[in-house]
Amino acid sequence: MTRILFVCLGNICRSPLVEAVARGEFARAGLAIDVASAGTGGHTAGEPADARALAVARRHGYALSAHRARQVKAADFDAFDHILAMDRANLRALQALRSAGTGAVPALFLDPREVPDPYYGSGADFETVVALARRGAAAWIERLAPLAAGA
């Protein structure tokens, strides 16, 4: 089974929303893809998703209430096939954490575009994250569906 880890800074806004959207869209497409999320920072570890992220996920029918933030660890590079950063700053942090030549190579989720951090914004900014997550999930479905069909 393909495993994807979505990564932002605190793992309370962007990456959990993208995880929830991707999980829902992958299931709708009939793909068995395991998804998770984490943050490059550890300052929010153990916390639930931001209340605004929870609200927008609920409005769109995505499950997010069980989420608890966690920090990326070195073992994630071997546990996941794809590690996808929400922005370039988190991509650099992931590249620094990854041991040379081992495990998954981190990349931008929406390469070359970044998913903007909605934390200091409004509810509309969280809606933008959902829209971008749907776009990204659709691209990953297109990329992974032929591989799943051949498995």
Protein backbone atom coordinates (compact mmCIF):
# COMPACT_ATOMS: atom_id res chain seq x y z
CA MET A 1 0.00 0.00 0.00
CA THR A 2 1.25 3.48 -0.87
CA ARG A 3 1.84 5.72 2.15
CA ILE A 4 1.88 9.54 2.00
CA LEU A 5 2.86 11.96 4.78
CA PHE A 6 1.73 15.59 4.49
CA VAL A 7 3.87 18.10 6.39
CA CYS A 8 3.49 21.71 7.54
CA LEU A 9 4.98 23.57 10.52
CA GLY A 10 2.71 22.82 13.49
CA ASN A 11 0.47 20.07 12.09
CA ILE A 12 -2.71 21.83 13.24
CA CYS A 13 -3.88 23.65 10.08
CA ARG A 14 -2.62 22.82 6.60
CA SER A 15 -1.26 19.29 6.76
CA PRO A 16 -4.16 17.82 8.77
CA LEU A 17 -6.67 19.45 6.41
CA VAL A 18 -4.78 18.11 3.39
CA GLU A 19 -4.60 14.68 5.07
CA ALA A 20 -8.38 14.66 5.67
CA VAL A 21 -9.20 15.82 2.14
CA ALA A 22 -6.76 13.37 0.55
CA ARG A 23 -8.11 10.48 2.64
CA GLY A 24 -11.66 11.29 1.54
CA GLU A 25 -10.81 11.84 -2.12
CA PHE A 26 -8.58 8.75 -2.36
CA ALA A 27 -11.35 6.62 -0.86
CA ARG A 28 -13.90 8.13 -3.28
CA ALA A 29 -11.56 7.19 -6.13
CA GLY A 30 -11.32 3.63 -4.79
CA LEU A 31 -7.60 3.90 -4.01
CA ALA A 32 -6.11 2.21 -0.95
CA ILE A 33 -3.59 4.89 0.03
CA ASP A 34 -2.54 5.37 3.64
CA VAL A 35 -2.22 9.05 4.57
CA ALA A 36 -0.94 10.84 7.66
CA SER A 37 0.37 14.27 8.58
CA ALA A 38 3.04 15.79 10.80
CA GLY A 39 4.78 19.06 11.53
CA THR A 40 8.41 20.07 11.28
CA GLY A 41 8.04 21.88 14.61
CA GLY A 42 7.16 20.16 17.85
CA HIS A 43 5.52 23.08 19.64
CA THR A 44 1.95 21.83 19.04
CA ALA A 45 2.53 18.08 19.50
CA GLY A 46 -0.51 16.38 21.00
CA GLU A 47 -2.88 19.26 20.23
CA PRO A 48 -6.03 18.84 18.12
CA ALA A 49 -6.41 20.54 14.77
CA ASP A 50 -7.14 24.26 14.85
CA ALA A 51 -10.85 24.93 15.50
CA ARG A 52 -11.16 26.70 12.13
CA ALA A 53 -9.65 23.68 10.34
CA LEU A 54 -12.08 21.40 12.17
CA ALA A 55 -15.01 23.61 11.16
CA VAL A 56 -14.10 23.80 7.48
CA ALA A 57 -13.40 20.05 7.32
CA ARG A 58 -16.80 19.34 8.89
CA ARG A 59 -18.53 21.71 6.41
CA HIS A 60 -17.00 19.79 3.52
CA GLY A 61 -17.63 16.33 4.96
CA TYR A 62 -14.04 15.42 5.86
CA ALA A 63 -13.16 13.69 9.13
CA LEU A 64 -10.62 15.60 11.22
CA SER A 65 -11.87 15.49 14.82
CA ALA A 66 -9.58 12.63 15.92
CA HIS A 67 -6.42 14.40 14.72
CA ARG A 68 -3.58 15.07 17.16
CA ALA A 69 -0.51 16.97 16.03
CA ARG A 70 2.84 15.23 15.92
CA GLN A 71 6.35 16.12 14.84
CA VAL A 72 8.11 14.53 11.88
CA LYS A 73 10.73 11.99 12.91
CA ALA A 74 13.64 10.47 11.01
CA ALA A 75 11.86 7.08 10.83
CA ASP A 76 9.10 8.69 8.72
CA PHE A 77 11.44 8.76 5.72
CA ASP A 78 11.49 4.96 5.69
CA ALA A 79 7.85 4.52 6.73
CA PHE A 80 6.34 6.64 3.93
CA ASP A 81 6.66 6.44 0.13
CA HIS A 82 6.01 10.17 -0.33
CA ILE A 83 6.63 13.03 2.09
CA LEU A 84 4.96 16.20 0.85
CA ALA A 85 5.64 19.63 2.30
CA MET A 86 3.12 22.45 2.22
CA ASP A 87 5.76 25.14 1.59
CA ARG A 88 9.44 25.62 0.80
CA ALA A 89 10.44 26.39 4.41
CA ASN A 90 9.06 23.03 5.55
CA LEU A 91 10.63 21.34 2.53
CA ARG A 92 14.05 22.68 3.60
CA ALA A 93 13.46 21.44 7.16
CA LEU A 94 12.57 17.99 5.83
CA GLN A 95 15.62 17.91 3.59
CA ALA A 96 17.81 18.74 6.58
CA LEU A 97 16.21 15.96 8.67
CA ARG A 98 16.51 13.26 6.01
CA SER A 99 19.67 11.17 6.16
CA ALA A 100 21.56 11.35 2.87
CA GLY A 101 20.43 8.74 0.40
CA THR A 102 17.86 7.07 2.63
CA GLY A 103 14.10 6.82 2.48
CA ALA A 104 11.52 9.01 0.81
CA VAL A 105 12.71 12.19 -0.87
CA PRO A 106 10.62 15.13 0.34
CA ALA A 107 8.85 17.27 -2.26
CA LEU A 108 6.31 20.08 -2.43
CA PHE A 109 2.70 18.89 -2.36
CA LEU A 110 1.63 21.31 -5.13
CA ASP A 111 4.99 21.76 -6.83
CA PRO A 112 5.82 24.49 -7.71
CA ARG A 113 3.01 26.16 -5.73
CA GLU A 114 2.90 26.41 -1.93
CA VAL A 115 -0.13 25.91 0.30
CA PRO A 116 -0.40 29.19 2.25
CA ASP A 117 -0.54 29.03 6.03
CA PRO A 118 -4.08 30.07 7.11
CA TYR A 119 -3.23 30.30 10.83
CA TYR A 120 -3.19 34.11 11.03
CA GLY A 121 -5.96 34.52 8.46
CA SER A 122 -9.69 34.08 8.32
CA GLY A 123 -12.08 31.24 7.62
CA ALA A 124 -11.75 32.03 3.92
CA ASP A 125 -8.06 31.12 4.14
CA PHE A 126 -8.99 27.67 5.44
CA GLU A 127 -11.42 27.31 2.52
CA THR A 128 -8.48 28.06 0.22
CA VAL A 129 -6.52 25.21 1.82
CA VAL A 130 -9.41 22.81 1.18
CA ALA A 131 -9.62 23.91 -2.47
CA LEU A 132 -5.87 23.46 -2.92
CA ALA A 133 -6.01 20.11 -1.13
CA ARG A 134 -8.70 18.90 -3.54
CA ARG A 135 -6.61 20.03 -6.49
CA GLY A 136 -3.54 18.28 -5.11
CA ALA A 137 -5.44 15.11 -4.24
CA ALA A 138 -6.85 14.98 -7.78
CA ALA A 139 -3.32 15.24 -9.20
CA TRP A 140 -2.10 12.45 -6.91
CA ILE A 141 -5.10 10.28 -7.86
CA GLU A 142 -4.20 10.75 -11.51
CA ARG A 143 -0.59 9.85 -10.73
CA LEU A 144 -1.28 6.85 -8.48
CA ALA A 145 -4.40 5.29 -10.03
CA PRO A 146 -2.51 3.64 -12.93
CA LEU A 147 -0.03 2.16 -10.43
CA ALA A 148 -2.87 0.80 -8.27
CA ALA A 149 -4.56 -0.69 -11.33
CA GLY A 150 -1.36 -2.50 -12.25
CA ALA A 151 -0.83 -3.88 -8.75
